[in-house]
Structures are given as structure tokens and as C-alpha cells.
């Protein structure tokens, strides 16, 4: 991105559907931080936010516009009455890296600009084609085309100008504050051009770069280059193909882009400025694919192709994307049995709620609790997070809770009913006067088990719970990742472990689509902001997860221990019953009728104890209480260690340090979430046996 002329340097679940969560704070208001004074960051509010992003009143509409020389640009999302999970508009982000004018001396400006325009137009054509396809899964409306450029002289500025000319919106990460960054522009004319482009940007993120030393300056350029990559679906690299550059130079950014599997279009700096698609970070040979491959790769990136169906006990795995967008708000918690069962086993007699709190109100209270911890966090940043992610998180989270309760309550009910069926069969044998009643009760019990299991499998309660929970947790993590300009890392998964890989599901496709539509944070990472962010991260986001996992580990460990103890007691109780029965058979002194009564009771107990013991074992196995407790205990230790790494003091950590900390925490949470998903996707709803 920036050529420094120096030798090259190396590149530097919690499950909310479990037992707890909640919090409260005041409504965030529109506005911008006091330290933002440039014309491109003064929002004008044409209609006030209602204070509730899921308000069902039909009049709810939020527009933020920015006035500048080119007119008004709409920046904020629109919220209308929502009765189903919302789709997002297709958004495509094109990043840029490339040389400054000193490395473009031999370039033919008009030909180079035409080549850049050709690439950008290809992106537009593919985007329009996808947006016009009603089966693509995006919301109706014109797609968003966005160029992400730091506006350095040379390639950055050139790509930004060509993109704006054909209808792209501009977003700008800057290595320093915009006033400091102006020192990179040599002439008054270039500085004026920079200001003009910046005024047209829909988002500007000013990083906390430093010029204290040559090394810190190079790190600042490296940081902004990596920020471009985080915000890009495609990268345009105007590059001469050499690697003789310093830290943060074009070669390094291109190499990292290819490593991250970001489609990278290499436009050569020498006429005729040929363009090709890079397949690896080397120059020449198999690494340079024909440009005609680019539209196919872009289509594959933005269109969702369902996984090949693979068999499971529930039948072939299907794509739940369409089902998700057809979901409706759930008012009643139908699956209360698991909650009651867990609380009774854990020694709590508090009845779980059966009426759901209003979707938006409950989630909003939870998020306001997070904001209350760090009141100095700018309200504009908080609003941008809420406007972009809260609505999507609310639907995924509440629906995950709903289907978790249904699935868990179903297998608890099935195993208990199976044991009851044994009891009813015995009663039919020993209670001749009411034999028909007990036979009908046994038949009704078996029919109910079949009905519950069939309905659960047809409606895919199990799969919906897993997919919706995965989506909700990824979106919840964006509450703290987005505020530091991150979106989390995705590590490659070995092919032999790729079946069921969540990155290949509709969940990851939809999550990435949401992130693309939201765009880039509009903020300035000055010391005040970084201190406020650290406070949010280390005093709420991470501690709340530490507390959650600590409590989950304690409760699930207790439930597992008590169920295991009860099941073991029933097993040995059966042994005692058999011994008593054996002894009674040799007690000839007992009256005959007493022998007969005891005989009937003992025979029934000898059958019922193992039946209920097996039912408890089935519940323990299906609920995976022991493994959930172990995972949460490990998460408690991991996250506690991450929190301990941050020394709370007067000095604000750099945005790079905070970002790495946030990503590390999200990576740990994500690994636990995938582990949970792998464990539970092999525990579908089946007939008790």
C-alpha cells in the first residue's frame, strides 16, 4: 500500500440459550464524538431514532445524511416494522493497495485508469447480476458497491476517483489523524484533492499511527494496509511485482491478501497495464490466472451454494437459510420441561418463564448494560453497532433459545415417557381390574413419543437451534470486534475435518453479508476512545463471558453429578430389590397374601428402577452435561487469562494491541463454539432406545 523505500520486514458462546444473561442502560443517542470536527463526520439527523431498533410501529425510520459539496449521502440503515428475520442488501467491498507516484513513473495514466475502471465495472456487473437473482438470498434494492482506500497519492487515489465516477461509495481508513496524514501530500493541490475525496467518504476511520520513529511510521502504514484487507472482499493491487519494499509496502499487503484468500487483481504498473487474478503471492507461472476467471470467483464468493447433502439420523442435512427468513416471533416458550427439570435437579424451585419478553426490549436492555459500563464510549459508535447488528442478533438469539428449549425438552420428555411406558405395562399386568386403562395409557405414551420425535425431526428443532445459536454468537462478538475495526479471524480447516464446517453453511454466508452491508466504523482511535474501549472490553465483554462460563460450568456439573448419582442409586436399588425378593421367596412364615403383595411390588420395582435409570442415562448422554461443564470450565480459565493480560492504567493501549486482544478472545470463543457445534450436531432427536 505504502512504499517506504526501506528493506522489507516480515509481517508482523457462550450459549445465551443456557441459564443466564441480561443487563440495562440509557438509550444511546445519535451524535459524533467531540473530537470529530471535519465536515465529513458531522451527521444531520432528519428523523429521530425511536430508541428501539425493532420497534414494530410502521413509522420507524432512521436516516443519517451527510451534507457536502456533492449533496447528500445516506449512511444509516432503515428499520421498518419487522415480522421476520431481515435480509441484507448485497454489498461488495473493493480494497486497494499500490504504489505512490515515485513508482508509477512509466505508467500511462489514461490506460491505467481504464484498466482500473474495467475491473471495477466487472465487479458492478457481477453484483447487479446477483442482486437481480431472487434466489440469491439478498434483500431487494440496489446493491452497495464500496471502495476502501486510504487515499495515498498514486494508486490509492486513482482507484478511489475511478470508483466514485461509476457510482461506488468511498470509505477511508487512515494511518494517522486526517490532519497529520495531510503531511504525506507534497503540494497544496494534492492536499486539497485529499480533502475533497475525504469529504465524499461515507466512513472515515482514523487509526492511532505514530511518526515518532521510522519503525513506528512503517508500522502505521502496515496497520492501515491490514485494515483495508479486513474491510475488503476483493483487492486491486497496482504493483510492479517487486518485493523490494519496506514494512507495510504493497508486496507485503498483496502477500497477506492471497494468504487470507481475498481475490486479488494485480494490475501491472508498466504499459499496457495487464490485469490478472493472483492465485499465490509469487510472480509468474501458475500464480497468474487469466482475468476471465475473476467473475467466476467473485460469483462463488457472493452467492451461497449449499453444502452437499450428507446423511444424519434426522435425514439428509438441508439448507435452513430459507426457513430462517420465514421465521416468526415466538411469544410462548413451549419447551419449558428442560428448564423445570434442570432447576429441580439443581435444587431450584423457581419456575422458568413461559411468556417471552418482547424481542427487542430484552436484547436492547442487554446491550444497554454493556454500554453502561463505558459511558465515555462515543454514542455514534454505539449507535452504528446497534444499527448494524442488534436486529440480526436479536432474531438469531431469541429463535435459538426457542428451538433449544424445544429440542432439549423433547428428549427429556421422550426418555421419561419411555420409562413411564414400562411402568404402565407392568400396571396393566398386575392391576387386572383396570387393565384396559393402563394399556391405553401405555399406547398413548408411545404415540406421544412418536409424535414428539417426528415433529421435532420434521421441523428440525435440533438443526435450527445449532445454526441459529452459531449465527447469534458470531453477531454478538461483533459488538466488541466492530468497535476496534475487526471482524474476527477465520483459520483454515483441514479437508478431512471439513464436513459440517460452519464456514461452508448459510450461517457464515449470512453473517458475512451482514458485515459487508454494515461497512466500516466511523471513528477516531484517539487515547480517549481507546481507554473507553478497553473499559468496555475488560470490564464487561470479557468478564461477562467469564461469569457466564463459570456459572454454566457450576450448574451443569451439579446437574450431571446429581443425575449420575440418582441413576447409580437406581441401579443399586434394583440389586437391593432383587435380594429382598430372593429372601422373601424363602420366608415361609409370611402370610400368603403378604407374600403376593410384596412379590408384585418388588417385581414392578425391579423393572421400573432400571427403566428410569436408563432414562436418566439417556438424558445425561443427550444433554452432554459433563462435556458442557468441562468446556465452560476451560473457557473460564482461558478468558480469565486474557483479561489478566490487560494492565488497566492511565495509558491507553494502542488500537493494534486492543484489536489483537479482542480477536484472541473472539478466536477462543469461536473455537469453543465450533467444538460445541461438532459435539451437538451428532446428537439429533431420536426415539429412546
Foldseek 3Di string as FASTA:
>chain_A
DEFPLDFADADDFVAPLPDDAFFAADQQFADEDPVDDAQLPGWDWPDGAPSFLQDQDQVGFTWIWGQDPVGTDTQFDTGGNDFAQDFAAAEAEEEEAEYAVVVLVQFDLVLQLVVLLVVLVLLQVLSVVLQVDPPQGHDHDRYAYEYEAQCQHDGRVSSLVSNVVVPHAYEHEHLAPLVVSLVSDDDPVSSVSVSVSSSRHSFYEGFHQDVPDPVSNLVSLLVRLVLSLQQHQEYEYAYQQDDRGYRNHRLNSLQVSLVQVRFYWYFYSHPVRDIFTANHSHDDDPRTHHCVCVSVVSNPLQGADADDWDQAPLGTDDACSVVNRVDGDDFFQPLQQLVCVLCVLLPHRDRDDGGDDDLRVRLSRSLSRLCVLQVLARSNQLVLLCSQQSSNLSSLSNLLSSLVSLFLSLLLLQLVLQLVLLLLVLCLVVVVVCNVVSVVSSVVSVVVNVVSLVVCSVVVSLVSNLLSSLLNRLSVLCSLLQLLSHRADDDDDDPVPCVVPVCSGVSVSSSVSSDSSSGHGRHYPDFSNLLSSLSSVLVPVLVVLLVSLVVLLVSLVSSLVSLLVLLVVLVVVLVVLVVVLVVLVVPPVDDPVVNVVSNSVSVSSNSSSNSVSLSSVSSCQLVVSVVSSVLSVVLSVVSVVLSVVDDDDDTRDGSVVVNVSSNVNVVSNSVSSVVVSVSNVNRGRDRRD
